[in-house]
């Protein structure tokens, strides 16, 4: 199965001096009411205080899900392909500035192992 969408918003956040990183690809502005969500998003986060791998959660336009393992991720200048261990591929296209893309690539590189994360 493939979940594909165009992200209107791509955000990178950190907390506790970089100990927690988050990347969000969203079809809606962040100020919307999540209780009434009917459009996709993907959130990838990593807490470096613990040895666990990065986590991923998503909304497919109908329901929330998460807890899958990221098997591979390919990041290009305008798209990210995320393969999960649940027979799911998430394909997100986006358009962001070079500066924001550099920050996105940096966050994802820190969050994911070299064997999982590929840029092209």
N, C-alpha and C. Protein backbone atom coordinates (compact mmCIF):
# COMPACT_ATOMS: atom_id res chain seq x y z
N UNK A 1 0.84 -1.18 0.00
CA UNK A 1 0.00 0.00 0.00
C UNK A 1 0.89 1.24 0.00
N UNK A 2 0.42 2.28 -0.66
CA UNK A 2 1.16 3.54 -0.71
C UNK A 2 0.26 4.67 -0.22
N UNK A 3 0.82 5.49 0.66
CA UNK A 3 0.19 6.73 1.09
C UNK A 3 0.97 7.85 0.42
N UNK A 4 0.35 8.55 -0.51
CA UNK A 4 1.03 9.62 -1.25
C UNK A 4 0.26 10.93 -1.09
N UNK A 5 1.02 12.00 -0.87
CA UNK A 5 0.40 13.32 -0.78
C UNK A 5 1.44 14.41 -0.99
N UNK A 6 0.97 15.62 -1.25
CA UNK A 6 1.83 16.79 -1.35
C UNK A 6 1.73 17.56 -0.04
N UNK A 7 2.87 17.77 0.58
CA UNK A 7 2.92 18.50 1.84
C UNK A 7 2.90 20.01 1.57
N UNK A 8 1.97 20.69 2.17
CA UNK A 8 1.92 22.16 2.11
C UNK A 8 2.88 22.76 3.13
N UNK A 9 3.19 21.97 4.16
CA UNK A 9 4.06 22.44 5.24
C UNK A 9 5.09 21.35 5.56
N UNK A 10 6.36 21.76 5.63
CA UNK A 10 7.44 20.88 6.08
C UNK A 10 8.13 21.62 7.21
N UNK A 11 8.16 21.00 8.39
CA UNK A 11 8.77 21.68 9.53
C UNK A 11 9.78 20.78 10.22
N UNK A 12 10.81 21.41 10.74
CA UNK A 12 11.86 20.74 11.51
C UNK A 12 11.94 21.45 12.86
N UNK A 13 11.92 20.67 13.92
CA UNK A 13 11.95 21.26 15.26
C UNK A 13 12.92 20.49 16.13
N UNK A 14 13.43 21.17 17.15
CA UNK A 14 14.28 20.50 18.14
C UNK A 14 13.98 21.07 19.51
N UNK A 15 14.31 20.27 20.52
CA UNK A 15 14.11 20.67 21.91
C UNK A 15 15.26 20.13 22.74
N UNK A 16 15.42 20.69 23.91
CA UNK A 16 16.44 20.27 24.89
C UNK A 16 17.81 20.22 24.21
N UNK A 17 18.21 21.35 23.62
CA UNK A 17 19.52 21.47 22.97
C UNK A 17 19.77 20.37 21.95
N UNK A 18 18.77 20.01 21.17
CA UNK A 18 18.93 19.03 20.11
C UNK A 18 18.78 17.58 20.54
N UNK A 19 18.39 17.36 21.80
CA UNK A 19 18.20 15.98 22.28
C UNK A 19 16.94 15.34 21.70
N UNK A 20 16.00 16.17 21.28
CA UNK A 20 14.77 15.69 20.64
C UNK A 20 14.64 16.41 19.31
N UNK A 21 14.47 15.63 18.23
CA UNK A 21 14.27 16.19 16.90
C UNK A 21 12.95 15.71 16.34
N UNK A 22 12.29 16.57 15.58
CA UNK A 22 11.04 16.20 14.91
C UNK A 22 11.02 16.80 13.51
N UNK A 23 10.49 16.01 12.58
CA UNK A 23 10.25 16.47 11.22
C UNK A 23 8.80 16.15 10.89
N UNK A 24 8.09 17.13 10.37
CA UNK A 24 6.68 16.95 10.02
C UNK A 24 6.45 17.34 8.57
N UNK A 25 5.73 16.48 7.86
CA UNK A 25 5.23 16.76 6.51
C UNK A 25 3.71 16.80 6.64
N UNK A 26 3.09 17.94 6.32
CA UNK A 26 1.67 18.08 6.59
C UNK A 26 0.94 18.72 5.41
N UNK A 27 -0.29 18.31 5.23
CA UNK A 27 -1.14 18.88 4.18
C UNK A 27 -1.91 20.09 4.68
N UNK A 28 -1.86 20.36 5.97
CA UNK A 28 -2.61 21.47 6.57
C UNK A 28 -1.67 22.36 7.38
N UNK A 29 -2.03 23.60 7.56
CA UNK A 29 -1.27 24.45 8.49
C UNK A 29 -1.37 23.88 9.91
N UNK A 30 -0.36 24.11 10.72
CA UNK A 30 -0.30 23.56 12.07
C UNK A 30 -1.36 24.07 13.02
N UNK A 31 -2.06 25.13 12.66
CA UNK A 31 -3.03 25.72 13.57
C UNK A 31 -4.41 25.05 13.49
N UNK A 32 -4.58 24.08 12.61
CA UNK A 32 -5.87 23.43 12.45
C UNK A 32 -6.20 22.53 13.64
N UNK A 33 -7.47 22.25 13.84
CA UNK A 33 -7.95 21.38 14.92
C UNK A 33 -7.71 19.92 14.55
N UNK A 34 -6.84 19.23 15.29
CA UNK A 34 -6.51 17.84 14.99
C UNK A 34 -7.68 16.89 15.20
N UNK A 35 -8.64 17.24 16.01
CA UNK A 35 -9.80 16.37 16.22
C UNK A 35 -10.64 16.22 14.95
N UNK A 36 -10.52 17.18 14.06
CA UNK A 36 -11.32 17.14 12.84
C UNK A 36 -10.47 16.86 11.60
N UNK A 37 -9.27 16.33 11.79
CA UNK A 37 -8.36 16.08 10.67
C UNK A 37 -8.95 15.06 9.69
N UNK A 38 -8.83 15.38 8.40
CA UNK A 38 -9.26 14.47 7.35
C UNK A 38 -8.25 14.44 6.20
N UNK A 39 -7.04 14.94 6.46
CA UNK A 39 -5.99 14.96 5.45
C UNK A 39 -4.70 14.37 6.02
N UNK A 40 -3.82 13.87 5.16
CA UNK A 40 -2.61 13.18 5.63
C UNK A 40 -1.54 14.08 6.25
N UNK A 41 -0.74 13.47 7.10
CA UNK A 41 0.51 14.06 7.59
C UNK A 41 1.42 12.91 8.02
N UNK A 42 2.71 13.22 8.17
CA UNK A 42 3.70 12.29 8.70
C UNK A 42 4.54 13.05 9.71
N UNK A 43 4.80 12.44 10.85
CA UNK A 43 5.67 13.00 11.88
C UNK A 43 6.74 11.96 12.22
N UNK A 44 8.00 12.35 12.09
CA UNK A 44 9.13 11.50 12.46
C UNK A 44 9.82 12.18 13.62
N UNK A 45 10.09 11.43 14.68
CA UNK A 45 10.75 12.03 15.84
C UNK A 45 11.79 11.09 16.41
N UNK A 46 12.76 11.69 17.09
CA UNK A 46 13.83 10.92 17.71
C UNK A 46 14.22 11.60 19.02
N UNK A 47 14.29 10.82 20.08
CA UNK A 47 14.71 11.31 21.38
C UNK A 47 16.05 10.66 21.69
N UNK A 48 17.13 11.42 21.60
CA UNK A 48 18.48 10.89 21.77
C UNK A 48 18.83 10.58 23.22
N UNK A 49 17.93 10.90 24.16
CA UNK A 49 18.14 10.52 25.56
C UNK A 49 17.97 9.02 25.76
N UNK A 50 17.34 8.36 24.80
CA UNK A 50 17.07 6.93 24.86
C UNK A 50 17.65 6.25 23.62
N UNK A 51 18.02 4.99 23.70
CA UNK A 51 18.65 4.31 22.56
C UNK A 51 17.68 3.84 21.48
N UNK A 52 16.42 4.12 21.61
CA UNK A 52 15.43 3.65 20.65
C UNK A 52 15.61 4.34 19.29
N UNK A 53 15.21 3.66 18.20
CA UNK A 53 15.29 4.31 16.89
C UNK A 53 14.22 5.38 16.74
N UNK A 54 14.32 6.14 15.69
CA UNK A 54 13.33 7.18 15.39
C UNK A 54 11.95 6.54 15.29
N UNK A 55 10.94 7.30 15.68
CA UNK A 55 9.56 6.82 15.59
C UNK A 55 8.84 7.58 14.48
N UNK A 56 7.78 6.97 13.99
CA UNK A 56 6.99 7.60 12.94
C UNK A 56 5.51 7.42 13.25
N UNK A 57 4.76 8.47 13.02
CA UNK A 57 3.30 8.39 13.11
C UNK A 57 2.75 9.09 11.88
N UNK A 58 1.52 8.74 11.51
CA UNK A 58 0.92 9.33 10.33
C UNK A 58 -0.59 9.28 10.41
N UNK A 59 -1.18 10.09 9.58
CA UNK A 59 -2.62 10.09 9.37
C UNK A 59 -2.81 9.90 7.87
N UNK A 60 -3.64 8.95 7.47
CA UNK A 60 -3.80 8.63 6.05
C UNK A 60 -4.98 9.36 5.41
N UNK A 61 -5.58 10.27 6.12
CA UNK A 61 -6.76 10.97 5.63
C UNK A 61 -8.03 10.44 6.26
N UNK A 62 -7.92 9.26 6.90
CA UNK A 62 -9.07 8.66 7.56
C UNK A 62 -8.81 8.29 9.00
N UNK A 63 -7.54 7.92 9.31
CA UNK A 63 -7.24 7.45 10.65
C UNK A 63 -5.75 7.66 10.96
N UNK A 64 -5.45 7.69 12.26
CA UNK A 64 -4.07 7.80 12.73
C UNK A 64 -3.45 6.42 12.84
N UNK A 65 -2.13 6.33 12.67
CA UNK A 65 -1.39 5.09 12.87
C UNK A 65 0.04 5.45 13.23
N UNK A 66 0.79 4.46 13.66
CA UNK A 66 2.19 4.69 14.02
C UNK A 66 2.79 3.42 14.57
N UNK A 67 3.99 3.56 15.10
CA UNK A 67 4.66 2.43 15.72
C UNK A 67 5.40 1.53 14.76
N UNK A 68 5.45 1.89 13.49
CA UNK A 68 6.16 1.07 12.50
C UNK A 68 7.65 1.40 12.54
N UNK A 69 8.44 0.49 12.02
CA UNK A 69 9.87 0.72 11.88
C UNK A 69 10.15 1.27 10.49
N UNK A 70 11.00 2.27 10.42
CA UNK A 70 11.41 2.82 9.13
C UNK A 70 12.48 1.90 8.56
N UNK A 71 12.18 1.25 7.44
CA UNK A 71 13.10 0.31 6.80
C UNK A 71 14.08 1.07 5.91
N UNK A 72 13.55 2.04 5.14
CA UNK A 72 14.42 2.87 4.31
C UNK A 72 13.74 4.21 4.05
N UNK A 73 14.59 5.19 3.75
CA UNK A 73 14.10 6.52 3.41
C UNK A 73 15.00 7.09 2.34
N UNK A 74 14.40 7.58 1.27
CA UNK A 74 15.14 8.25 0.20
C UNK A 74 14.64 9.68 0.12
N UNK A 75 15.55 10.62 0.28
CA UNK A 75 15.21 12.04 0.24
C UNK A 75 15.82 12.66 -1.01
N UNK A 76 14.98 13.30 -1.81
CA UNK A 76 15.45 14.09 -2.93
C UNK A 76 15.02 15.53 -2.69
N UNK A 77 15.36 16.40 -3.59
CA UNK A 77 15.13 17.83 -3.39
C UNK A 77 13.65 18.19 -3.23
N UNK A 78 12.76 17.36 -3.77
CA UNK A 78 11.35 17.69 -3.69
C UNK A 78 10.46 16.51 -3.30
N UNK A 79 11.06 15.45 -2.73
CA UNK A 79 10.26 14.27 -2.40
C UNK A 79 10.99 13.43 -1.35
N UNK A 80 10.18 12.76 -0.53
CA UNK A 80 10.74 11.76 0.39
C UNK A 80 9.91 10.48 0.23
N UNK A 81 10.60 9.36 0.11
CA UNK A 81 9.97 8.04 0.04
C UNK A 81 10.37 7.28 1.29
N UNK A 82 9.40 6.87 2.07
CA UNK A 82 9.64 6.19 3.34
C UNK A 82 9.03 4.79 3.26
N UNK A 83 9.85 3.77 3.38
CA UNK A 83 9.36 2.40 3.38
C UNK A 83 9.31 1.92 4.82
N UNK A 84 8.13 1.41 5.22
CA UNK A 84 7.94 0.93 6.58
C UNK A 84 7.86 -0.59 6.61
N UNK A 85 8.00 -1.16 7.79
CA UNK A 85 7.96 -2.62 7.94
C UNK A 85 6.54 -3.17 7.93
N UNK A 86 5.57 -2.37 7.58
CA UNK A 86 4.16 -2.79 7.56
C UNK A 86 3.60 -2.85 6.15
N UNK A 87 4.44 -3.14 5.17
CA UNK A 87 4.00 -3.16 3.78
C UNK A 87 3.35 -1.84 3.41
N UNK A 88 3.97 -0.74 3.85
CA UNK A 88 3.47 0.60 3.56
C UNK A 88 4.62 1.45 3.08
N UNK A 89 4.39 2.17 1.99
CA UNK A 89 5.33 3.17 1.49
C UNK A 89 4.65 4.52 1.58
N UNK A 90 5.35 5.48 2.15
CA UNK A 90 4.83 6.85 2.25
C UNK A 90 5.63 7.69 1.26
N UNK A 91 4.92 8.32 0.34
CA UNK A 91 5.52 9.11 -0.74
C UNK A 91 5.01 10.54 -0.60
N UNK A 92 5.91 11.44 -0.17
CA UNK A 92 5.51 12.82 0.08
C UNK A 92 6.30 13.75 -0.84
N UNK A 93 5.60 14.55 -1.60
CA UNK A 93 6.25 15.59 -2.40
C UNK A 93 6.11 16.92 -1.66
N UNK A 94 7.04 17.83 -1.92
CA UNK A 94 7.05 19.12 -1.23
C UNK A 94 7.86 20.12 -2.03
N UNK A 95 7.72 21.37 -1.67
CA UNK A 95 8.49 22.46 -2.28
C UNK A 95 8.92 23.40 -1.17
N UNK A 96 10.23 23.43 -0.91
CA UNK A 96 10.77 24.29 0.14
C UNK A 96 12.06 24.95 -0.36
N UNK A 97 12.49 25.99 0.35
CA UNK A 97 13.70 26.72 -0.03
C UNK A 97 14.94 25.84 0.19
N UNK A 98 16.05 26.24 -0.43
CA UNK A 98 17.31 25.50 -0.26
C UNK A 98 17.73 25.46 1.21
N UNK A 99 17.56 26.58 1.89
CA UNK A 99 17.95 26.65 3.30
C UNK A 99 17.12 25.68 4.16
N UNK A 100 15.81 25.63 3.92
CA UNK A 100 14.94 24.72 4.68
C UNK A 100 15.22 23.26 4.30
N UNK A 101 15.56 23.02 3.03
CA UNK A 101 15.91 21.66 2.62
C UNK A 101 17.19 21.19 3.32
N UNK A 102 18.17 22.07 3.45
CA UNK A 102 19.41 21.71 4.13
C UNK A 102 19.12 21.35 5.60
N UNK A 103 18.24 22.09 6.23
CA UNK A 103 17.87 21.78 7.62
C UNK A 103 17.12 20.45 7.69
N UNK A 104 16.20 20.21 6.75
CA UNK A 104 15.48 18.94 6.71
C UNK A 104 16.45 17.77 6.55
N UNK A 105 17.36 17.87 5.60
CA UNK A 105 18.34 16.80 5.38
C UNK A 105 19.20 16.57 6.62
N UNK A 106 19.61 17.64 7.27
CA UNK A 106 20.42 17.53 8.48
C UNK A 106 19.66 16.82 9.60
N UNK A 107 18.41 17.21 9.83
CA UNK A 107 17.59 16.57 10.87
C UNK A 107 17.41 15.07 10.57
N UNK A 108 17.04 14.74 9.35
CA UNK A 108 16.80 13.33 9.01
C UNK A 108 18.08 12.52 9.09
N UNK A 109 19.19 13.09 8.67
CA UNK A 109 20.48 12.39 8.75
C UNK A 109 20.85 12.06 10.21
N UNK A 110 20.59 12.99 11.11
CA UNK A 110 20.87 12.74 12.53
C UNK A 110 19.93 11.69 13.13
N UNK A 111 18.67 11.66 12.66
CA UNK A 111 17.66 10.80 13.24
C UNK A 111 17.75 9.36 12.78
N UNK A 112 18.28 9.11 11.59
CA UNK A 112 18.24 7.78 10.98
C UNK A 112 19.64 7.23 10.73
N UNK A 113 19.79 5.93 10.83
CA UNK A 113 21.06 5.27 10.55
C UNK A 113 21.42 5.43 9.08
N UNK A 114 22.72 5.37 8.78
CA UNK A 114 23.17 5.49 7.40
C UNK A 114 22.58 4.42 6.49
N UNK A 115 22.34 3.23 7.01
CA UNK A 115 21.78 2.16 6.21
C UNK A 115 20.31 2.38 5.87
N UNK A 116 19.67 3.28 6.58
CA UNK A 116 18.24 3.56 6.37
C UNK A 116 18.05 4.80 5.51
N UNK A 117 18.89 5.81 5.73
CA UNK A 117 18.71 7.12 5.10
C UNK A 117 19.61 7.28 3.88
N UNK A 118 19.02 7.65 2.76
CA UNK A 118 19.76 7.87 1.52
C UNK A 118 19.29 9.19 0.92
N UNK A 119 20.24 10.01 0.46
CA UNK A 119 19.88 11.22 -0.27
C UNK A 119 20.35 11.06 -1.70
N UNK A 120 19.64 11.66 -2.59
CA UNK A 120 20.08 11.63 -4.00
C UNK A 120 19.80 12.97 -4.64
